[in-house]
Amino acid sequence: MSIALSNRSALPFALLLTVGMAATVGGALGFEHIGGYIPCALCLLQRLPYYYGVPVALLATLSAALGGPPWLTRTLLLVAGVMMLVGAGLGVYHAGAEWGFWEGPSTCATTAQGVTQNAGDLLGDLDAKKPPSCTEASFRFLGLSFAGWNVIASLILAAIAFKGVSAKKS
């Protein structure tokens, strides 16, 4: 039995990875736009591996489905898996900052706004959305914040991608 990747055996992993990544980042966008949760700077940063990874995983799915070269499918799955490991690392950093294990980035702290001297600007300042601090979880479910759940989702998605890379020809 050859250990070369078969596109037929990689297709379910590539498809599951694509759908899982899209659902995860879609859920985050839903909490923001439907649920009204304003993301902090680290929350937005944690979405980048998904924004870049979904198209890569989609290309892997297309490569597997359309009979592209097995090395291409394997490489695309590997890249998507590494992106998910980066996402997990960002989630660990963010969750650690929320739990006070280390400080978050200085750009993530909420600061008091200066006193405006213009009455017209006062109304604009009241309507302006201020992002929350990265060190305060806006929501927890089963003891984990969005950042903590992102770590779990990212690790599961990375495992799916790497399993697809190592899928054997059937």
C-alpha atoms as a PDB file:
ATOM      1  CA  MET A   1       0.000   0.000   0.000  1.00  0.00           C
ATOM      2  CA  SER A   2       1.397   3.387  -0.995  1.00  0.00           C
ATOM      3  CA  ILE A   3       1.579   6.218   1.505  1.00  0.00           C
ATOM      4  CA  ALA A   4       1.015   8.773  -1.255  1.00  0.00           C
ATOM      5  CA  LEU A   5      -1.993  10.993  -0.806  1.00  0.00           C
ATOM      6  CA  SER A   6      -5.009  10.085  -2.855  1.00  0.00           C
ATOM      7  CA  ASN A   7      -7.272  12.955  -3.762  1.00  0.00           C
ATOM      8  CA  ARG A   8     -10.220  10.649  -3.199  1.00  0.00           C
ATOM      9  CA  SER A   9      -9.133   9.988   0.377  1.00  0.00           C
ATOM     10  CA  ALA A  10      -8.313  13.654   1.040  1.00  0.00           C
ATOM     11  CA  LEU A  11     -11.636  15.038  -0.179  1.00  0.00           C
ATOM     12  CA  PRO A  12     -13.674  14.429   3.005  1.00  0.00           C
ATOM     13  CA  PHE A  13     -10.971  16.059   5.139  1.00  0.00           C
ATOM     14  CA  ALA A  14     -10.643  19.060   2.823  1.00  0.00           C
ATOM     15  CA  LEU A  15     -14.407  19.517   2.682  1.00  0.00           C
ATOM     16  CA  LEU A  16     -14.839  19.162   6.447  1.00  0.00           C
ATOM     17  CA  LEU A  17     -11.981  21.608   7.002  1.00  0.00           C
ATOM     18  CA  THR A  18     -13.507  24.182   4.643  1.00  0.00           C
ATOM     19  CA  VAL A  19     -16.965  23.923   6.196  1.00  0.00           C
ATOM     20  CA  GLY A  20     -15.578  23.919   9.748  1.00  0.00           C
ATOM     21  CA  MET A  21     -13.420  26.987   9.190  1.00  0.00           C
ATOM     22  CA  ALA A  22     -16.235  28.887   7.466  1.00  0.00           C
ATOM     23  CA  ALA A  23     -18.681  27.966  10.246  1.00  0.00           C
ATOM     24  CA  THR A  24     -16.254  29.033  12.977  1.00  0.00           C
ATOM     25  CA  VAL A  25     -15.508  32.457  11.539  1.00  0.00           C
ATOM     26  CA  GLY A  26     -19.161  32.796  10.500  1.00  0.00           C
ATOM     27  CA  GLY A  27     -20.174  32.172  14.096  1.00  0.00           C
ATOM     28  CA  ALA A  28     -17.790  34.879  15.287  1.00  0.00           C
ATOM     29  CA  LEU A  29     -19.239  37.307  12.751  1.00  0.00           C
ATOM     30  CA  GLY A  30     -22.743  36.319  13.851  1.00  0.00           C
ATOM     31  CA  PHE A  31     -21.970  37.041  17.508  1.00  0.00           C
ATOM     32  CA  GLU A  32     -20.626  40.422  16.402  1.00  0.00           C
ATOM     33  CA  HIS A  33     -23.311  41.559  13.969  1.00  0.00           C
ATOM     34  CA  ILE A  34     -26.376  39.749  15.324  1.00  0.00           C
ATOM     35  CA  GLY A  35     -25.475  39.324  18.993  1.00  0.00           C
ATOM     36  CA  GLY A  36     -23.952  42.776  19.373  1.00  0.00           C
ATOM     37  CA  TYR A  37     -20.613  41.616  20.805  1.00  0.00           C
ATOM     38  CA  ILE A  38     -17.905  44.110  19.886  1.00  0.00           C
ATOM     39  CA  PRO A  39     -14.613  42.301  19.227  1.00  0.00           C
ATOM     40  CA  CYS A  40     -11.371  43.546  20.716  1.00  0.00           C
ATOM     41  CA  ALA A  41      -8.182  43.888  18.679  1.00  0.00           C
ATOM     42  CA  LEU A  42      -7.002  40.354  19.559  1.00  0.00           C
ATOM     43  CA  CYS A  43     -10.404  38.925  18.615  1.00  0.00           C
ATOM     44  CA  LEU A  44     -10.060  40.497  15.187  1.00  0.00           C
ATOM     45  CA  LEU A  45      -6.490  39.227  14.897  1.00  0.00           C
ATOM     46  CA  GLN A  46      -7.640  35.672  15.681  1.00  0.00           C
ATOM     47  CA  ARG A  47      -9.942  35.786  12.660  1.00  0.00           C
ATOM     48  CA  LEU A  48      -7.097  36.304  10.198  1.00  0.00           C
ATOM     49  CA  PRO A  49      -6.074  32.619   9.993  1.00  0.00           C
ATOM     50  CA  TYR A  50      -9.678  31.848   9.060  1.00  0.00           C
ATOM     51  CA  TYR A  51      -9.946  34.650   6.502  1.00  0.00           C
ATOM     52  CA  TYR A  52      -6.787  33.373   4.811  1.00  0.00           C
ATOM     53  CA  GLY A  53      -7.410  29.708   5.536  1.00  0.00           C
ATOM     54  CA  VAL A  54     -10.940  29.310   4.158  1.00  0.00           C
ATOM     55  CA  PRO A  55      -9.858  30.071   0.559  1.00  0.00           C
ATOM     56  CA  VAL A  56      -6.833  27.767   0.956  1.00  0.00           C
ATOM     57  CA  ALA A  57      -9.045  24.951   2.275  1.00  0.00           C
ATOM     58  CA  LEU A  58     -11.539  25.602  -0.519  1.00  0.00           C
ATOM     59  CA  LEU A  59      -8.728  25.267  -3.066  1.00  0.00           C
ATOM     60  CA  ALA A  60      -7.720  21.981  -1.415  1.00  0.00           C
ATOM     61  CA  THR A  61     -11.318  20.791  -1.686  1.00  0.00           C
ATOM     62  CA  LEU A  62     -11.480  21.755  -5.359  1.00  0.00           C
ATOM     63  CA  SER A  63      -8.119  20.127  -6.045  1.00  0.00           C
ATOM     64  CA  ALA A  64      -9.262  16.895  -4.417  1.00  0.00           C
ATOM     65  CA  ALA A  65     -12.695  16.933  -6.071  1.00  0.00           C
ATOM     66  CA  LEU A  66     -11.488  17.819  -9.565  1.00  0.00           C
ATOM     67  CA  GLY A  67      -8.547  15.428  -9.623  1.00  0.00           C
ATOM     68  CA  GLY A  68      -5.755  17.938  -9.150  1.00  0.00           C
ATOM     69  CA  PRO A  69      -2.248  16.753  -8.402  1.00  0.00           C
ATOM     70  CA  PRO A  70      -2.080  14.994  -5.008  1.00  0.00           C
ATOM     71  CA  TRP A  71       0.962  17.062  -3.968  1.00  0.00           C
ATOM     72  CA  LEU A  72      -1.089  20.250  -4.460  1.00  0.00           C
ATOM     73  CA  THR A  73      -3.953  19.010  -2.301  1.00  0.00           C
ATOM     74  CA  ARG A  74      -1.495  17.861   0.369  1.00  0.00           C
ATOM     75  CA  THR A  75       0.356  21.204   0.348  1.00  0.00           C
ATOM     76  CA  LEU A  76      -2.857  23.221   0.591  1.00  0.00           C
ATOM     77  CA  LEU A  77      -4.083  21.108   3.508  1.00  0.00           C
ATOM     78  CA  LEU A  78      -0.708  21.485   5.218  1.00  0.00           C
ATOM     79  CA  VAL A  79      -0.807  25.280   4.821  1.00  0.00           C
ATOM     80  CA  ALA A  80      -4.366  25.418   6.187  1.00  0.00           C
ATOM     81  CA  GLY A  81      -3.342  23.223   9.136  1.00  0.00           C
ATOM     82  CA  VAL A  82      -0.423  25.500   9.974  1.00  0.00           C
ATOM     83  CA  MET A  83      -2.766  28.502   9.791  1.00  0.00           C
ATOM     84  CA  MET A  84      -5.026  26.820  12.324  1.00  0.00           C
ATOM     85  CA  LEU A  85      -2.052  26.223  14.635  1.00  0.00           C
ATOM     86  CA  VAL A  86      -1.278  29.947  14.377  1.00  0.00           C
ATOM     87  CA  GLY A  87      -4.926  30.631  15.243  1.00  0.00           C
ATOM     88  CA  ALA A  88      -4.652  28.331  18.262  1.00  0.00           C
ATOM     89  CA  GLY A  89      -1.527  30.170  19.397  1.00  0.00           C
ATOM     90  CA  LEU A  90      -3.281  33.521  19.103  1.00  0.00           C
ATOM     91  CA  GLY A  91      -6.203  32.105  21.081  1.00  0.00           C
ATOM     92  CA  VAL A  92      -3.905  30.852  23.853  1.00  0.00           C
ATOM     93  CA  TYR A  93      -2.259  34.277  24.032  1.00  0.00           C
ATOM     94  CA  HIS A  94      -5.633  36.027  24.197  1.00  0.00           C
ATOM     95  CA  ALA A  95      -7.137  33.623  26.750  1.00  0.00           C
ATOM     96  CA  GLY A  96      -4.000  33.948  28.888  1.00  0.00           C
ATOM     97  CA  ALA A  97      -4.361  37.728  28.846  1.00  0.00           C
ATOM     98  CA  GLU A  98      -8.026  37.382  29.846  1.00  0.00           C
ATOM     99  CA  TRP A  99      -7.122  35.125  32.789  1.00  0.00           C
ATOM    100  CA  GLY A 100      -4.296  37.459  33.857  1.00  0.00           C
ATOM    101  CA  PHE A 101      -1.482  34.977  33.152  1.00  0.00           C
ATOM    102  CA  TRP A 102       0.300  37.706  31.164  1.00  0.00           C
ATOM    103  CA  GLU A 103      -0.421  41.178  29.902  1.00  0.00           C
ATOM    104  CA  GLY A 104      -2.183  41.731  26.623  1.00  0.00           C
ATOM    105  CA  PRO A 105      -0.785  44.097  24.022  1.00  0.00           C
ATOM    106  CA  SER A 106      -0.729  47.769  24.964  1.00  0.00           C
ATOM    107  CA  THR A 107      -2.783  48.558  21.861  1.00  0.00           C
ATOM    108  CA  CYS A 108      -5.634  46.519  23.316  1.00  0.00           C
ATOM    109  CA  ALA A 109      -6.316  48.553  26.434  1.00  0.00           C
ATOM    110  CA  THR A 110      -9.293  50.816  26.574  1.00  0.00           C
ATOM    111  CA  THR A 111      -8.356  54.339  27.450  1.00  0.00           C
ATOM    112  CA  ALA A 112     -10.352  57.336  28.525  1.00  0.00           C
ATOM    113  CA  GLN A 113     -11.152  59.613  25.647  1.00  0.00           C
ATOM    114  CA  GLY A 114     -10.052  63.216  25.834  1.00  0.00           C
ATOM    115  CA  VAL A 115     -12.575  65.909  26.617  1.00  0.00           C
ATOM    116  CA  THR A 116     -13.908  67.360  23.403  1.00  0.00           C
ATOM    117  CA  GLN A 117     -14.041  71.118  22.993  1.00  0.00           C
ATOM    118  CA  ASN A 118     -16.613  71.050  20.200  1.00  0.00           C
ATOM    119  CA  ALA A 119     -20.298  70.436  20.972  1.00  0.00           C
ATOM    120  CA  GLY A 120     -20.786  68.836  17.535  1.00  0.00           C
ATOM    121  CA  ASP A 121     -18.055  66.322  18.310  1.00  0.00           C
ATOM    122  CA  LEU A 122     -19.700  65.482  21.631  1.00  0.00           C
ATOM    123  CA  LEU A 123     -22.657  63.754  19.952  1.00  0.00           C
ATOM    124  CA  GLY A 124     -20.298  61.960  17.592  1.00  0.00           C
ATOM    125  CA  ASP A 125     -18.237  60.740  20.550  1.00  0.00           C
ATOM    126  CA  LEU A 126     -21.361  59.339  22.211  1.00  0.00           C
ATOM    127  CA  ASP A 127     -22.221  57.316  19.105  1.00  0.00           C
ATOM    128  CA  ALA A 128     -18.695  56.010  18.543  1.00  0.00           C
ATOM    129  CA  LYS A 129     -18.193  52.346  19.360  1.00  0.00           C
ATOM    130  CA  LYS A 130     -15.244  51.709  21.618  1.00  0.00           C
ATOM    131  CA  PRO A 131     -13.694  48.247  21.397  1.00  0.00           C
ATOM    132  CA  PRO A 132     -13.406  46.400  24.702  1.00  0.00           C
ATOM    133  CA  SER A 133     -10.159  45.577  26.434  1.00  0.00           C
ATOM    134  CA  CYS A 134      -8.481  42.334  25.379  1.00  0.00           C
ATOM    135  CA  THR A 135      -8.077  41.382  29.033  1.00  0.00           C
ATOM    136  CA  GLU A 136     -11.812  41.179  29.761  1.00  0.00           C
ATOM    137  CA  ALA A 137     -13.872  38.323  28.327  1.00  0.00           C
ATOM    138  CA  SER A 138     -17.205  39.634  27.083  1.00  0.00           C
ATOM    139  CA  PHE A 139     -18.830  36.195  27.340  1.00  0.00           C
ATOM    140  CA  ARG A 140     -18.008  32.794  28.801  1.00  0.00           C
ATOM    141  CA  PHE A 141     -19.637  29.466  28.039  1.00  0.00           C
ATOM    142  CA  LEU A 142     -18.711  26.460  30.190  1.00  0.00           C
ATOM    143  CA  GLY A 143     -15.917  28.555  31.673  1.00  0.00           C
ATOM    144  CA  LEU A 144     -14.271  29.422  28.353  1.00  0.00           C
ATOM    145  CA  SER A 145     -14.301  32.746  26.546  1.00  0.00           C
ATOM    146  CA  PHE A 146     -14.514  33.133  22.786  1.00  0.00           C
ATOM    147  CA  ALA A 147     -10.700  33.009  22.748  1.00  0.00           C
ATOM    148  CA  GLY A 148     -10.673  29.722  24.651  1.00  0.00           C
ATOM    149  CA  TRP A 149     -13.222  28.176  22.317  1.00  0.00           C
ATOM    150  CA  ASN A 150     -11.167  29.393  19.372  1.00  0.00           C
ATOM    151  CA  VAL A 151      -8.191  27.408  20.704  1.00  0.00           C
ATOM    152  CA  ILE A 152     -10.296  24.244  20.765  1.00  0.00           C
ATOM    153  CA  ALA A 153     -11.799  24.869  17.318  1.00  0.00           C
ATOM    154  CA  SER A 154      -8.410  25.723  15.809  1.00  0.00           C
ATOM    155  CA  LEU A 155      -6.778  22.570  17.205  1.00  0.00           C
ATOM    156  CA  ILE A 156      -9.608  20.367  15.937  1.00  0.00           C
ATOM    157  CA  LEU A 157      -9.421  21.981  12.500  1.00  0.00           C
ATOM    158  CA  ALA A 158      -5.626  21.631  12.438  1.00  0.00           C
ATOM    159  CA  ALA A 159      -5.990  17.930  13.279  1.00  0.00           C
ATOM    160  CA  ILE A 160      -8.479  17.500  10.426  1.00  0.00           C
ATOM    161  CA  ALA A 161      -6.094  19.234   8.016  1.00  0.00           C
ATOM    162  CA  PHE A 162      -3.094  17.147   9.093  1.00  0.00           C
ATOM    163  CA  LYS A 163      -5.155  13.950   8.911  1.00  0.00           C
ATOM    164  CA  GLY A 164      -6.001  14.908   5.332  1.00  0.00           C
ATOM    165  CA  VAL A 165      -2.304  15.450   4.592  1.00  0.00           C
ATOM    166  CA  SER A 166      -1.489  11.963   5.830  1.00  0.00           C
ATOM    167  CA  ALA A 167      -4.496  10.223   4.239  1.00  0.00           C
ATOM    168  CA  LYS A 168      -3.336   7.092   2.476  1.00  0.00           C
ATOM    169  CA  LYS A 169      -4.217   5.999  -1.005  1.00  0.00           C
ATOM    170  CA  SER A 170      -7.025   3.512  -0.906  1.00  0.00           C
END
